[in-house]
C-alpha atoms as a PDB file:
ATOM      1  CA  MET A   1       0.000   0.000   0.000  1.00  0.00           C
ATOM      2  CA  GLN A   2       1.411   3.406  -1.007  1.00  0.00           C
ATOM      3  CA  GLN A   3       0.885   5.790   1.908  1.00  0.00           C
ATOM      4  CA  ASP A   4       1.042   9.560   2.434  1.00  0.00           C
ATOM      5  CA  MET A   5       0.541  10.339  -1.251  1.00  0.00           C
ATOM      6  CA  ILE A   6      -2.795  11.665  -2.485  1.00  0.00           C
ATOM      7  CA  PRO A   7      -3.360  10.981  -6.200  1.00  0.00           C
ATOM      8  CA  PRO A   8      -3.987  13.997  -8.470  1.00  0.00           C
ATOM      9  CA  LEU A   9      -7.525  15.345  -8.271  1.00  0.00           C
ATOM     10  CA  GLU A  10      -9.635  18.414  -8.948  1.00  0.00           C
ATOM     11  CA  HIS A  11     -10.429  20.489  -5.852  1.00  0.00           C
ATOM     12  CA  ILE A  12     -13.670  22.500  -5.900  1.00  0.00           C
ATOM     13  CA  ASP A  13     -14.579  24.974  -3.152  1.00  0.00           C
ATOM     14  CA  ALA A  14     -18.363  24.953  -2.866  1.00  0.00           C
ATOM     15  CA  THR A  15     -19.878  28.188  -1.564  1.00  0.00           C
ATOM     16  CA  SER A  16     -23.455  26.951  -1.189  1.00  0.00           C
ATOM     17  CA  VAL A  17     -25.312  23.733  -0.504  1.00  0.00           C
ATOM     18  CA  ASP A  18     -26.908  23.915  -3.946  1.00  0.00           C
ATOM     19  CA  GLU A  19     -23.502  24.173  -5.607  1.00  0.00           C
ATOM     20  CA  ALA A  20     -22.147  21.242  -3.595  1.00  0.00           C
ATOM     21  CA  VAL A  21     -25.133  19.029  -4.412  1.00  0.00           C
ATOM     22  CA  ARG A  22     -25.013  19.991  -8.080  1.00  0.00           C
ATOM     23  CA  THR A  23     -21.291  19.214  -8.312  1.00  0.00           C
ATOM     24  CA  LEU A  24     -21.694  15.857  -6.609  1.00  0.00           C
ATOM     25  CA  ARG A  25     -24.538  14.974  -8.958  1.00  0.00           C
ATOM     26  CA  GLU A  26     -22.525  15.965 -12.038  1.00  0.00           C
ATOM     27  CA  HIS A  27     -19.470  13.897 -11.125  1.00  0.00           C
ATOM     28  CA  GLY A  28     -21.245  10.919  -9.553  1.00  0.00           C
ATOM     29  CA  THR A  29     -19.083   8.405  -7.701  1.00  0.00           C
ATOM     30  CA  ASP A  30     -15.909  10.080  -8.991  1.00  0.00           C
ATOM     31  CA  ALA A  31     -16.525  12.873  -6.442  1.00  0.00           C
ATOM     32  CA  ALA A  32     -16.178  13.019  -2.669  1.00  0.00           C
ATOM     33  CA  THR A  33     -16.851  15.701  -0.072  1.00  0.00           C
ATOM     34  CA  ILE A  34     -14.498  17.056   2.534  1.00  0.00           C
ATOM     35  CA  ALA A  35     -14.981  19.475   5.427  1.00  0.00           C
ATOM     36  CA  GLY A  36     -12.987  19.007   8.632  1.00  0.00           C
ATOM     37  CA  ASN A  37     -10.333  16.898   6.873  1.00  0.00           C
ATOM     38  CA  THR A  38      -9.771  14.655   9.896  1.00  0.00           C
ATOM     39  CA  ASP A  39     -10.729  11.340   8.291  1.00  0.00           C
ATOM     40  CA  GLU A  40     -11.232  11.523   4.537  1.00  0.00           C
ATOM     41  CA  ILE A  41      -7.665  12.753   4.000  1.00  0.00           C
ATOM     42  CA  ASN A  42      -6.326   9.590   5.648  1.00  0.00           C
ATOM     43  CA  TRP A  43      -8.378   7.409   3.313  1.00  0.00           C
ATOM     44  CA  MET A  44      -6.923   9.271   0.327  1.00  0.00           C
ATOM     45  CA  LYS A  45      -3.359   9.260   1.651  1.00  0.00           C
ATOM     46  CA  ASN A  46      -3.543   5.497   1.948  1.00  0.00           C
ATOM     47  CA  ARG A  47      -5.118   5.341  -1.526  1.00  0.00           C
ATOM     48  CA  MET A  48      -8.064   3.429  -0.126  1.00  0.00           C
ATOM     49  CA  ARG A  49     -10.241   6.064  -1.807  1.00  0.00           C
ATOM     50  CA  THR A  50      -9.223   7.834  -4.981  1.00  0.00           C
ATOM     51  CA  PRO A  51     -11.825  10.434  -5.998  1.00  0.00           C
ATOM     52  CA  GLU A  52     -11.165  12.439  -9.124  1.00  0.00           C
ATOM     53  CA  VAL A  53     -13.029  15.455  -7.750  1.00  0.00           C
ATOM     54  CA  LEU A  54     -12.953  16.689  -4.155  1.00  0.00           C
ATOM     55  CA  VAL A  55     -15.831  18.986  -3.176  1.00  0.00           C
ATOM     56  CA  ASP A  56     -14.758  21.123  -0.219  1.00  0.00           C
ATOM     57  CA  ILE A  57     -17.827  22.294   1.710  1.00  0.00           C
ATOM     58  CA  LYS A  58     -16.194  23.959   4.696  1.00  0.00           C
ATOM     59  CA  GLY A  59     -16.740  27.411   3.176  1.00  0.00           C
ATOM     60  CA  ILE A  60     -20.531  27.107   3.196  1.00  0.00           C
ATOM     61  CA  GLU A  61     -21.363  29.643   5.904  1.00  0.00           C
ATOM     62  CA  GLU A  62     -24.952  28.540   6.540  1.00  0.00           C
ATOM     63  CA  LEU A  63     -23.712  25.165   7.802  1.00  0.00           C
ATOM     64  CA  HIS A  64     -21.649  26.701  10.614  1.00  0.00           C
ATOM     65  CA  GLY A  65     -22.775  27.689  14.088  1.00  0.00           C
ATOM     66  CA  VAL A  66     -25.334  26.963  16.792  1.00  0.00           C
ATOM     67  CA  GLU A  67     -28.598  28.797  17.274  1.00  0.00           C
ATOM     68  CA  THR A  68     -31.614  28.494  19.536  1.00  0.00           C
ATOM     69  CA  THR A  69     -34.874  27.639  17.799  1.00  0.00           C
ATOM     70  CA  GLY A  70     -38.258  29.183  18.509  1.00  0.00           C
ATOM     71  CA  ASP A  71     -39.390  26.272  20.661  1.00  0.00           C
ATOM     72  CA  GLY A  72     -36.285  26.457  22.852  1.00  0.00           C
ATOM     73  CA  GLY A  73     -34.391  23.720  21.062  1.00  0.00           C
ATOM     74  CA  LEU A  74     -31.160  23.894  19.062  1.00  0.00           C
ATOM     75  CA  ARG A  75     -30.100  23.955  15.447  1.00  0.00           C
ATOM     76  CA  ILE A  76     -26.463  22.946  15.038  1.00  0.00           C
ATOM     77  CA  GLY A  77     -24.816  23.409  11.653  1.00  0.00           C
ATOM     78  CA  ALA A  78     -23.154  20.212  10.487  1.00  0.00           C
ATOM     79  CA  LEU A  79     -19.872  22.084   9.887  1.00  0.00           C
ATOM     80  CA  THR A  80     -19.729  23.494  13.411  1.00  0.00           C
ATOM     81  CA  THR A  81     -16.434  22.343  14.874  1.00  0.00           C
ATOM     82  CA  LEU A  82     -16.434  20.179  17.954  1.00  0.00           C
ATOM     83  CA  THR A  83     -14.638  22.937  19.867  1.00  0.00           C
ATOM     84  CA  GLU A  84     -17.392  25.392  18.931  1.00  0.00           C
ATOM     85  CA  VAL A  85     -19.982  22.887  20.169  1.00  0.00           C
ATOM     86  CA  VAL A  86     -18.130  22.494  23.473  1.00  0.00           C
ATOM     87  CA  GLU A  87     -17.906  26.259  23.978  1.00  0.00           C
ATOM     88  CA  SER A  88     -21.426  27.160  22.814  1.00  0.00           C
ATOM     89  CA  ASP A  89     -23.552  28.923  25.438  1.00  0.00           C
ATOM     90  CA  ALA A  90     -26.709  27.660  23.712  1.00  0.00           C
ATOM     91  CA  VAL A  91     -25.502  24.058  23.998  1.00  0.00           C
ATOM     92  CA  ASN A  92     -24.401  24.356  27.607  1.00  0.00           C
ATOM     93  CA  ASP A  93     -27.618  26.095  28.652  1.00  0.00           C
ATOM     94  CA  GLY A  94     -29.842  23.054  28.935  1.00  0.00           C
ATOM     95  CA  PHE A  95     -28.154  20.545  26.610  1.00  0.00           C
ATOM     96  CA  SER A  96     -24.783  20.104  28.288  1.00  0.00           C
ATOM     97  CA  VAL A  97     -24.548  16.382  27.491  1.00  0.00           C
ATOM     98  CA  ILE A  98     -23.746  17.347  23.876  1.00  0.00           C
ATOM     99  CA  ALA A  99     -20.790  19.443  25.016  1.00  0.00           C
ATOM    100  CA  GLU A 100     -19.621  16.712  27.394  1.00  0.00           C
ATOM    101  CA  ALA A 101     -19.559  14.172  24.583  1.00  0.00           C
ATOM    102  CA  ALA A 102     -17.933  16.517  22.067  1.00  0.00           C
ATOM    103  CA  GLU A 103     -15.216  17.445  24.549  1.00  0.00           C
ATOM    104  CA  GLN A 104     -14.117  13.827  24.770  1.00  0.00           C
ATOM    105  CA  VAL A 105     -13.525  13.397  21.047  1.00  0.00           C
ATOM    106  CA  ALA A 106      -9.848  12.881  20.250  1.00  0.00           C
ATOM    107  CA  THR A 107      -7.514  15.827  21.006  1.00  0.00           C
ATOM    108  CA  PRO A 108      -7.931  19.631  21.138  1.00  0.00           C
ATOM    109  CA  GLN A 109      -6.275  19.960  17.735  1.00  0.00           C
ATOM    110  CA  ILE A 110      -8.726  17.547  16.137  1.00  0.00           C
ATOM    111  CA  ARG A 111     -11.703  19.144  17.898  1.00  0.00           C
ATOM    112  CA  ASN A 112     -10.593  22.509  16.497  1.00  0.00           C
ATOM    113  CA  GLN A 113     -10.825  21.103  12.984  1.00  0.00           C
ATOM    114  CA  GLY A 114     -13.282  18.210  13.084  1.00  0.00           C
ATOM    115  CA  THR A 115     -16.992  18.915  12.732  1.00  0.00           C
ATOM    116  CA  ILE A 116     -20.062  17.589  14.508  1.00  0.00           C
ATOM    117  CA  GLY A 117     -21.421  16.385  11.168  1.00  0.00           C
ATOM    118  CA  GLY A 118     -18.215  14.505  10.478  1.00  0.00           C
ATOM    119  CA  ASN A 119     -18.332  12.903  13.897  1.00  0.00           C
ATOM    120  CA  LEU A 120     -21.819  11.582  13.178  1.00  0.00           C
ATOM    121  CA  SER A 121     -21.071  10.355   9.664  1.00  0.00           C
ATOM    122  CA  GLN A 122     -17.614   8.846  10.137  1.00  0.00           C
ATOM    123  CA  ASP A 123     -16.912   5.402   8.769  1.00  0.00           C
ATOM    124  CA  SER A 124     -16.109   2.182  10.590  1.00  0.00           C
ATOM    125  CA  ARG A 125     -12.891   2.102  12.621  1.00  0.00           C
ATOM    126  CA  CYS A 126     -12.435  -1.672  12.192  1.00  0.00           C
ATOM    127  CA  TRP A 127      -8.700  -2.227  11.696  1.00  0.00           C
ATOM    128  CA  TYR A 128      -9.251  -4.950   9.093  1.00  0.00           C
ATOM    129  CA  TYR A 129     -11.473  -2.699   6.998  1.00  0.00           C
ATOM    130  CA  ARG A 130      -9.173   0.298   7.461  1.00  0.00           C
ATOM    131  CA  ASN A 131      -6.100  -1.683   6.415  1.00  0.00           C
ATOM    132  CA  GLY A 132      -7.385  -2.968   3.113  1.00  0.00           C
ATOM    133  CA  PHE A 133      -8.684  -6.448   3.959  1.00  0.00           C
ATOM    134  CA  ASP A 134     -11.360  -7.676   1.548  1.00  0.00           C
ATOM    135  CA  CYS A 135     -13.994  -7.996   4.265  1.00  0.00           C
ATOM    136  CA  TYR A 136     -17.766  -7.844   3.819  1.00  0.00           C
ATOM    137  CA  ARG A 137     -17.793  -4.074   4.317  1.00  0.00           C
ATOM    138  CA  ALA A 138     -15.133  -3.672   1.627  1.00  0.00           C
ATOM    139  CA  GLY A 139     -16.972  -5.937  -0.822  1.00  0.00           C
ATOM    140  CA  GLY A 140     -15.446  -9.276   0.159  1.00  0.00           C
ATOM    141  CA  ASN A 141     -17.047 -12.361   1.638  1.00  0.00           C
ATOM    142  CA  THR A 142     -15.805 -12.650   5.212  1.00  0.00           C
ATOM    143  CA  CYS A 143     -15.524 -10.775   8.504  1.00  0.00           C
ATOM    144  CA  TYR A 144     -11.958 -11.149   9.668  1.00  0.00           C
ATOM    145  CA  ALA A 145     -12.792  -9.812  13.131  1.00  0.00           C
ATOM    146  CA  ILE A 146     -15.009 -12.821  13.886  1.00  0.00           C
ATOM    147  CA  THR A 147     -12.055 -15.186  13.600  1.00  0.00           C
ATOM    148  CA  GLY A 148      -9.392 -12.609  14.481  1.00  0.00           C
ATOM    149  CA  GLU A 149      -9.106  -9.686  16.902  1.00  0.00           C
ATOM    150  CA  SER A 150     -12.539  -8.414  17.920  1.00  0.00           C
ATOM    151  CA  ARG A 151     -11.970  -6.739  21.283  1.00  0.00           C
ATOM    152  CA  ASP A 152     -13.332  -3.376  20.109  1.00  0.00           C
ATOM    153  CA  HIS A 153     -16.128  -4.806  17.977  1.00  0.00           C
ATOM    154  CA  ALA A 154     -19.876  -5.259  18.396  1.00  0.00           C
ATOM    155  CA  VAL A 155     -21.493  -7.650  20.848  1.00  0.00           C
ATOM    156  CA  THR A 156     -25.093  -7.323  19.670  1.00  0.00           C
ATOM    157  CA  ASP A 157     -27.321  -6.459  16.682  1.00  0.00           C
ATOM    158  CA  TYR A 158     -24.770  -7.392  14.043  1.00  0.00           C
ATOM    159  CA  SER A 159     -25.151  -9.337  10.797  1.00  0.00           C
ATOM    160  CA  ARG A 160     -21.981 -10.715   9.178  1.00  0.00           C
ATOM    161  CA  CYS A 161     -19.989  -7.518   9.884  1.00  0.00           C
ATOM    162  CA  ILE A 162     -19.329  -6.965  13.610  1.00  0.00           C
ATOM    163  CA  THR A 163     -17.937  -3.437  13.469  1.00  0.00           C
ATOM    164  CA  ALA A 164     -19.025  -1.173  16.346  1.00  0.00           C
ATOM    165  CA  HIS A 165     -20.159   2.391  15.796  1.00  0.00           C
ATOM    166  CA  PRO A 166     -17.457   4.866  16.918  1.00  0.00           C
ATOM    167  CA  SER A 167     -19.232   8.221  17.384  1.00  0.00           C
ATOM    168  CA  ASP A 168     -19.291  10.142  20.668  1.00  0.00           C
ATOM    169  CA  GLY A 169     -21.638  12.869  19.460  1.00  0.00           C
ATOM    170  CA  ALA A 170     -24.228  10.400  18.177  1.00  0.00           C
ATOM    171  CA  VAL A 171     -25.145   8.975  21.580  1.00  0.00           C
ATOM    172  CA  ALA A 172     -25.639  12.381  23.197  1.00  0.00           C
ATOM    173  CA  LEU A 173     -27.757  13.678  20.330  1.00  0.00           C
ATOM    174  CA  MET A 174     -29.830  10.493  20.122  1.00  0.00           C
ATOM    175  CA  ALA A 175     -30.494  10.706  23.852  1.00  0.00           C
ATOM    176  CA  LEU A 176     -32.031  14.120  23.123  1.00  0.00           C
ATOM    177  CA  ASP A 177     -34.171  12.767  20.247  1.00  0.00           C
ATOM    178  CA  ALA A 178     -32.337  14.863  17.635  1.00  0.00           C
ATOM    179  CA  GLU A 179     -33.159  14.991  13.941  1.00  0.00           C
ATOM    180  CA  VAL A 180     -30.914  15.567  10.923  1.00  0.00           C
ATOM    181  CA  VAL A 181     -31.703  17.809   7.963  1.00  0.00           C
ATOM    182  CA  ILE A 182     -30.234  16.659   4.644  1.00  0.00           C
ATOM    183  CA  GLU A 183     -30.156  18.305   1.212  1.00  0.00           C
ATOM    184  CA  GLY A 184     -29.894  16.362  -2.036  1.00  0.00           C
ATOM    185  CA  ALA A 185     -30.813  16.456  -5.696  1.00  0.00           C
ATOM    186  CA  ARG A 186     -34.485  15.899  -4.819  1.00  0.00           C
ATOM    187  CA  GLY A 187     -34.557  18.656  -2.243  1.00  0.00           C
ATOM    188  CA  GLU A 188     -34.500  18.699   1.530  1.00  0.00           C
ATOM    189  CA  ARG A 189     -35.403  15.774   3.778  1.00  0.00           C
ATOM    190  CA  ARG A 190     -35.282  15.239   7.511  1.00  0.00           C
ATOM    191  CA  GLU A 191     -35.290  12.180   9.704  1.00  0.00           C
ATOM    192  CA  LYS A 192     -34.681  11.116  13.266  1.00  0.00           C
ATOM    193  CA  LEU A 193     -30.989  10.745  13.961  1.00  0.00           C
ATOM    194  CA  SER A 194     -31.693   7.175  15.069  1.00  0.00           C
ATOM    195  CA  GLU A 195     -32.934   6.425  11.528  1.00  0.00           C
ATOM    196  CA  PHE A 196     -29.880   8.059   9.917  1.00  0.00           C
ATOM    197  CA  PHE A 197     -27.630   5.199  10.989  1.00  0.00           C
ATOM    198  CA  VAL A 198     -27.574   1.990   8.950  1.00  0.00           C
ATOM    199  CA  GLY A 199     -26.784  -1.498  10.228  1.00  0.00           C
ATOM    200  CA  PRO A 200     -25.185  -4.285   8.174  1.00  0.00           C
ATOM    201  CA  GLU A 201     -28.509  -6.073   7.739  1.00  0.00           C
ATOM    202  CA  GLU A 202     -29.678  -3.046   5.717  1.00  0.00           C
ATOM    203  CA  ASN A 203     -26.468  -2.062   3.911  1.00  0.00           C
ATOM    204  CA  ILE A 204     -23.189  -3.618   4.940  1.00  0.00           C
ATOM    205  CA  THR A 205     -21.028  -1.121   3.034  1.00  0.00           C
ATOM    206  CA  VAL A 206     -22.091   2.096   4.828  1.00  0.00           C
ATOM    207  CA  MET A 207     -22.916   3.298   8.351  1.00  0.00           C
ATOM    208  CA  ASN A 208     -25.536   5.928   7.484  1.00  0.00           C
ATOM    209  CA  ASP A 209     -28.116   6.602   4.793  1.00  0.00           C
ATOM    210  CA  LEU A 210     -26.498   9.765   3.402  1.00  0.00           C
ATOM    211  CA  ALA A 211     -26.566   9.329  -0.385  1.00  0.00           C
ATOM    212  CA  HIS A 212     -23.490  10.143  -2.425  1.00  0.00           C
ATOM    213  CA  ASN A 213     -25.017  13.382  -3.735  1.00  0.00           C
ATOM    214  CA  GLU A 214     -26.467  14.554  -0.415  1.00  0.00           C
ATOM    215  CA  ILE A 215     -25.136  17.003   2.169  1.00  0.00           C
ATOM    216  CA  LEU A 216     -25.825  16.815   5.893  1.00  0.00           C
ATOM    217  CA  LYS A 217     -26.906  20.366   6.741  1.00  0.00           C
ATOM    218  CA  TYR A 218     -28.106  20.593  10.332  1.00  0.00           C
ATOM    219  CA  ILE A 219     -28.754  18.658  13.504  1.00  0.00           C
ATOM    220  CA  GLU A 220     -31.922  19.845  15.232  1.00  0.00           C
ATOM    221  CA  VAL A 221     -32.506  19.144  18.912  1.00  0.00           C
ATOM    222  CA  PRO A 222     -36.020  19.606  20.323  1.00  0.00           C
ATOM    223  CA  ALA A 223     -36.594  21.225  23.711  1.00  0.00           C
ATOM    224  CA  THR A 224     -38.092  17.974  25.056  1.00  0.00           C
ATOM    225  CA  TYR A 225     -35.134  17.081  27.264  1.00  0.00           C
ATOM    226  CA  LYS A 226     -33.811  20.561  27.934  1.00  0.00           C
ATOM    227  CA  GLY A 227     -32.517  20.746  31.503  1.00  0.00           C
ATOM    228  CA  ALA A 228     -32.936  17.020  32.168  1.00  0.00           C
ATOM    229  CA  ASN A 229     -30.517  15.065  34.328  1.00  0.00           C
ATOM    230  CA  PHE A 230     -27.665  14.287  31.947  1.00  0.00           C
ATOM    231  CA  TYR A 231     -24.820  11.827  32.104  1.00  0.00           C
ATOM    232  CA  TYR A 232     -22.021  11.022  29.692  1.00  0.00           C
ATOM    233  CA  GLU A 233     -19.163   8.570  30.129  1.00  0.00           C
ATOM    234  CA  LYS A 234     -16.643   7.186  27.689  1.00  0.00           C
ATOM    235  CA  VAL A 235     -14.516   4.144  28.495  1.00  0.00           C
ATOM    236  CA  THR A 236     -11.250   4.048  26.538  1.00  0.00           C
ATOM    237  CA  ASP A 237      -7.840   2.439  26.690  1.00  0.00           C
ATOM    238  CA  ARG A 238      -6.119   5.838  26.692  1.00  0.00           C
ATOM    239  CA  ASP A 239      -6.945   9.274  28.076  1.00  0.00           C
ATOM    240  CA  SER A 240      -6.934  10.958  24.672  1.00  0.00           C
ATOM    241  CA  TRP A 241      -6.968  10.268  20.952  1.00  0.00           C
ATOM    242  CA  ASP A 242      -9.067   7.179  21.378  1.00  0.00           C
ATOM    243  CA  PHE A 243     -12.415   5.853  20.290  1.00  0.00           C
ATOM    244  CA  PRO A 244     -14.841   4.442  22.844  1.00  0.00           C
ATOM    245  CA  ILE A 245     -14.630   0.832  23.922  1.00  0.00           C
ATOM    246  CA  VAL A 246     -18.113   1.612  25.206  1.00  0.00           C
ATOM    247  CA  ASN A 247     -19.720   4.985  25.899  1.00  0.00           C
ATOM    248  CA  ILE A 248     -23.106   6.037  27.237  1.00  0.00           C
ATOM    249  CA  ALA A 249     -25.277   9.139  27.207  1.00  0.00           C
ATOM    250  CA  ALA A 250     -28.356   9.527  29.380  1.00  0.00           C
ATOM    251  CA  ALA A 251     -31.209  12.019  29.580  1.00  0.00           C
ATOM    252  CA  ILE A 252     -33.369  11.352  32.636  1.00  0.00           C
ATOM    253  CA  GLN A 253     -36.502  13.258  33.598  1.00  0.00           C
ATOM    254  CA  THR A 254     -38.183  12.900  36.978  1.00  0.00           C
ATOM    255  CA  ASP A 255     -41.622  13.688  38.334  1.00  0.00           C
ATOM    256  CA  GLY A 256     -41.394  13.888  42.076  1.00  0.00           C
ATOM    257  CA  ASN A 257     -39.548  10.786  43.193  1.00  0.00           C
ATOM    258  CA  SER A 258     -40.239   8.796  40.039  1.00  0.00           C
ATOM    259  CA  VAL A 259     -38.588   8.608  36.623  1.00  0.00           C
ATOM    260  CA  SER A 260     -41.022   9.999  34.067  1.00  0.00           C
ATOM    261  CA  ASP A 261     -38.731   9.412  31.090  1.00  0.00           C
ATOM    262  CA  ALA A 262     -35.266   7.998  30.502  1.00  0.00           C
ATOM    263  CA  ARG A 263     -33.229   7.679  27.339  1.00  0.00           C
ATOM    264  CA  LEU A 264     -30.020   5.679  27.471  1.00  0.00           C
ATOM    265  CA  VAL A 265     -27.865   5.406  24.341  1.00  0.00           C
ATOM    266  CA  SER A 266     -24.546   3.618  23.953  1.00  0.00           C
ATOM    267  CA  ASN A 267     -21.873   3.100  21.312  1.00  0.00           C
ATOM    268  CA  GLY A 268     -19.196   0.454  21.019  1.00  0.00           C
ATOM    269  CA  LEU A 269     -21.789  -2.288  21.442  1.00  0.00           C
ATOM    270  CA  ALA A 270     -23.438  -2.507  18.010  1.00  0.00           C
ATOM    271  CA  PRO A 271     -22.930  -1.353  14.405  1.00  0.00           C
ATOM    272  CA  THR A 272     -25.286   1.563  15.092  1.00  0.00           C
ATOM    273  CA  PRO A 273     -25.820   3.649  18.256  1.00  0.00           C
ATOM    274  CA  LYS A 274     -27.769   1.430  20.644  1.00  0.00           C
ATOM    275  CA  ARG A 275     -30.840   2.509  22.613  1.00  0.00           C
ATOM    276  CA  LEU A 276     -30.775   0.494  25.838  1.00  0.00           C
ATOM    277  CA  ARG A 277     -34.519   0.052  25.830  1.00  0.00           C
ATOM    278  CA  ARG A 278     -34.652  -2.753  28.374  1.00  0.00           C
ATOM    279  CA  ALA A 279     -33.040  -0.524  30.996  1.00  0.00           C
ATOM    280  CA  GLU A 280     -35.201   2.442  29.981  1.00  0.00           C
ATOM    281  CA  SER A 281     -38.377   0.397  30.402  1.00  0.00           C
ATOM    282  CA  ALA A 282     -37.277  -1.086  33.710  1.00  0.00           C
ATOM    283  CA  ILE A 283     -36.687   2.310  35.340  1.00  0.00           C
ATOM    284  CA  GLN A 284     -39.743   4.049  33.823  1.00  0.00           C
ATOM    285  CA  GLY A 285     -42.154   5.077  36.578  1.00  0.00           C
ATOM    286  CA  GLN A 286     -39.779   3.829  39.275  1.00  0.00           C
ATOM    287  CA  SER A 287     -37.925   5.755  41.934  1.00  0.00           C
ATOM    288  CA  LEU A 288     -34.166   6.036  41.627  1.00  0.00           C
ATOM    289  CA  SER A 289     -33.546   3.800  44.614  1.00  0.00           C
ATOM    290  CA  ASP A 290     -30.488   1.574  44.712  1.00  0.00           C
ATOM    291  CA  GLY A 291     -32.699  -1.485  44.295  1.00  0.00           C
ATOM    292  CA  ASN A 292     -34.536  -0.162  41.255  1.00  0.00           C
ATOM    293  CA  ILE A 293     -31.283   0.970  39.671  1.00  0.00           C
ATOM    294  CA  ALA A 294     -29.798  -2.484  40.242  1.00  0.00           C
ATOM    295  CA  ASP A 295     -32.820  -4.099  38.587  1.00  0.00           C
ATOM    296  CA  ALA A 296     -32.720  -1.715  35.604  1.00  0.00           C
ATOM    297  CA  SER A 297     -28.984  -2.189  35.049  1.00  0.00           C
ATOM    298  CA  ASP A 298     -29.073  -5.984  35.145  1.00  0.00           C
ATOM    299  CA  SER A 299     -28.619  -7.664  31.736  1.00  0.00           C
ATOM    300  CA  VAL A 300     -29.251  -4.551  29.643  1.00  0.00           C
ATOM    301  CA  LEU A 301     -28.205  -6.451  26.480  1.00  0.00           C
ATOM    302  CA  PRO A 302     -30.485  -9.517  26.570  1.00  0.00           C
ATOM    303  CA  ASN A 303     -29.620 -10.550  22.998  1.00  0.00           C
ATOM    304  CA  ALA A 304     -25.858 -10.112  23.252  1.00  0.00           C
ATOM    305  CA  ALA A 305     -23.678 -12.544  21.309  1.00  0.00           C
ATOM    306  CA  PRO A 306     -20.128 -11.428  22.050  1.00  0.00           C
ATOM    307  CA  GLN A 307     -16.880 -12.869  20.747  1.00  0.00           C
ATOM    308  CA  PRO A 308     -14.524 -14.482  23.274  1.00  0.00           C
ATOM    309  CA  ASP A 309     -12.302 -11.399  23.548  1.00  0.00           C
ATOM    310  CA  ASN A 310     -15.051  -8.759  23.920  1.00  0.00           C
ATOM    311  CA  ALA A 311     -17.521 -10.464  26.277  1.00  0.00           C
ATOM    312  CA  PHE A 312     -16.448  -7.972  28.957  1.00  0.00           C
ATOM    313  CA  LYS A 313     -18.496  -5.321  27.122  1.00  0.00           C
ATOM    314  CA  VAL A 314     -21.731  -6.962  28.264  1.00  0.00           C
ATOM    315  CA  ASP A 315     -20.910  -6.384  31.945  1.00  0.00           C
ATOM    316  CA  LEU A 316     -19.458  -2.973  31.123  1.00  0.00           C
ATOM    317  CA  ALA A 317     -22.779  -1.916  29.591  1.00  0.00           C
ATOM    318  CA  ASP A 318     -24.590  -2.963  32.795  1.00  0.00           C
ATOM    319  CA  ASN A 319     -22.157  -0.952  34.918  1.00  0.00           C
ATOM    320  CA  LEU A 320     -22.447   2.167  32.734  1.00  0.00           C
ATOM    321  CA  VAL A 321     -26.235   2.080  32.993  1.00  0.00           C
ATOM    322  CA  SER A 322     -25.953   1.794  36.763  1.00  0.00           C
ATOM    323  CA  ARG A 323     -23.648   4.816  36.942  1.00  0.00           C
ATOM    324  CA  ALA A 324     -25.822   6.853  34.584  1.00  0.00           C
ATOM    325  CA  LEU A 325     -28.975   6.207  36.622  1.00  0.00           C
ATOM    326  CA  SER A 326     -27.184   6.723  39.937  1.00  0.00           C
ATOM    327  CA  SER A 327     -26.028  10.157  38.774  1.00  0.00           C
ATOM    328  CA  ALA A 328     -29.668  11.335  38.798  1.00  0.00           C
ATOM    329  CA  GLN A 329     -30.341  10.293  42.413  1.00  0.00           C
END
């Protein structure tokens, strides 16, 4: 593999979403988009991807920044850097779990450059896939992680490919019931963030449903969970520059002594961000007593099918749920 050498290509600076979409449509699969440059450049340096046209969208001003919506929610431009998300007053005033998650992405240098949209739409981190193995995700006919090293891979909800979703921002935003707004050749569409992500049973070659000629414009967060009890934790091997072994984001609302609503979302367990619905249901309407928390955090992954070297994730998920619920006591 020839590394650190990007093949010749045409670089186009798009100044509007319409221009970006039009350019992507004109050049088809020969074109790729780039914004924060923290991941796509590595693919091209390693010649794993060789687009003939690179559409740079970072200059599209409307896709930058955070604003409060009329209902008290948030609209976050997809090109808002992770540092800007962390430092945003609008985010920290009622939606601090987003900032907590964004602050734990990689290093300060990467957060200064990487975008929230890029964090949501990043590709699999599986080392076999990233290093050129002809696995299912790359168009081959095997998953090397199943018979090889799978410590960081999925323990549930997988089909053939056992990659685990790597995003930190996704779990926080899903816990807040966020939506994404996408622009393509057929106009604008929106969907729940939970529906944006794609598992291998649906399409084994991608991790989201963003079409080649579409642009992720905004992430919109409703006011539903504004000011709830939030919790975010990321378990990693290192203190920085690391993807989650398992992470969790929680938004917990109480009515008196009882839990009126709880959303618990985790990554590192499945090919898409995982709602821990069994735990959510178990704590719904219950007080946050030690006994009820213990019951809700017992066997939160009832359908888990781990590999021998990542079975520890099943117990880790239970423990993270327990800590998330205990934080709201």
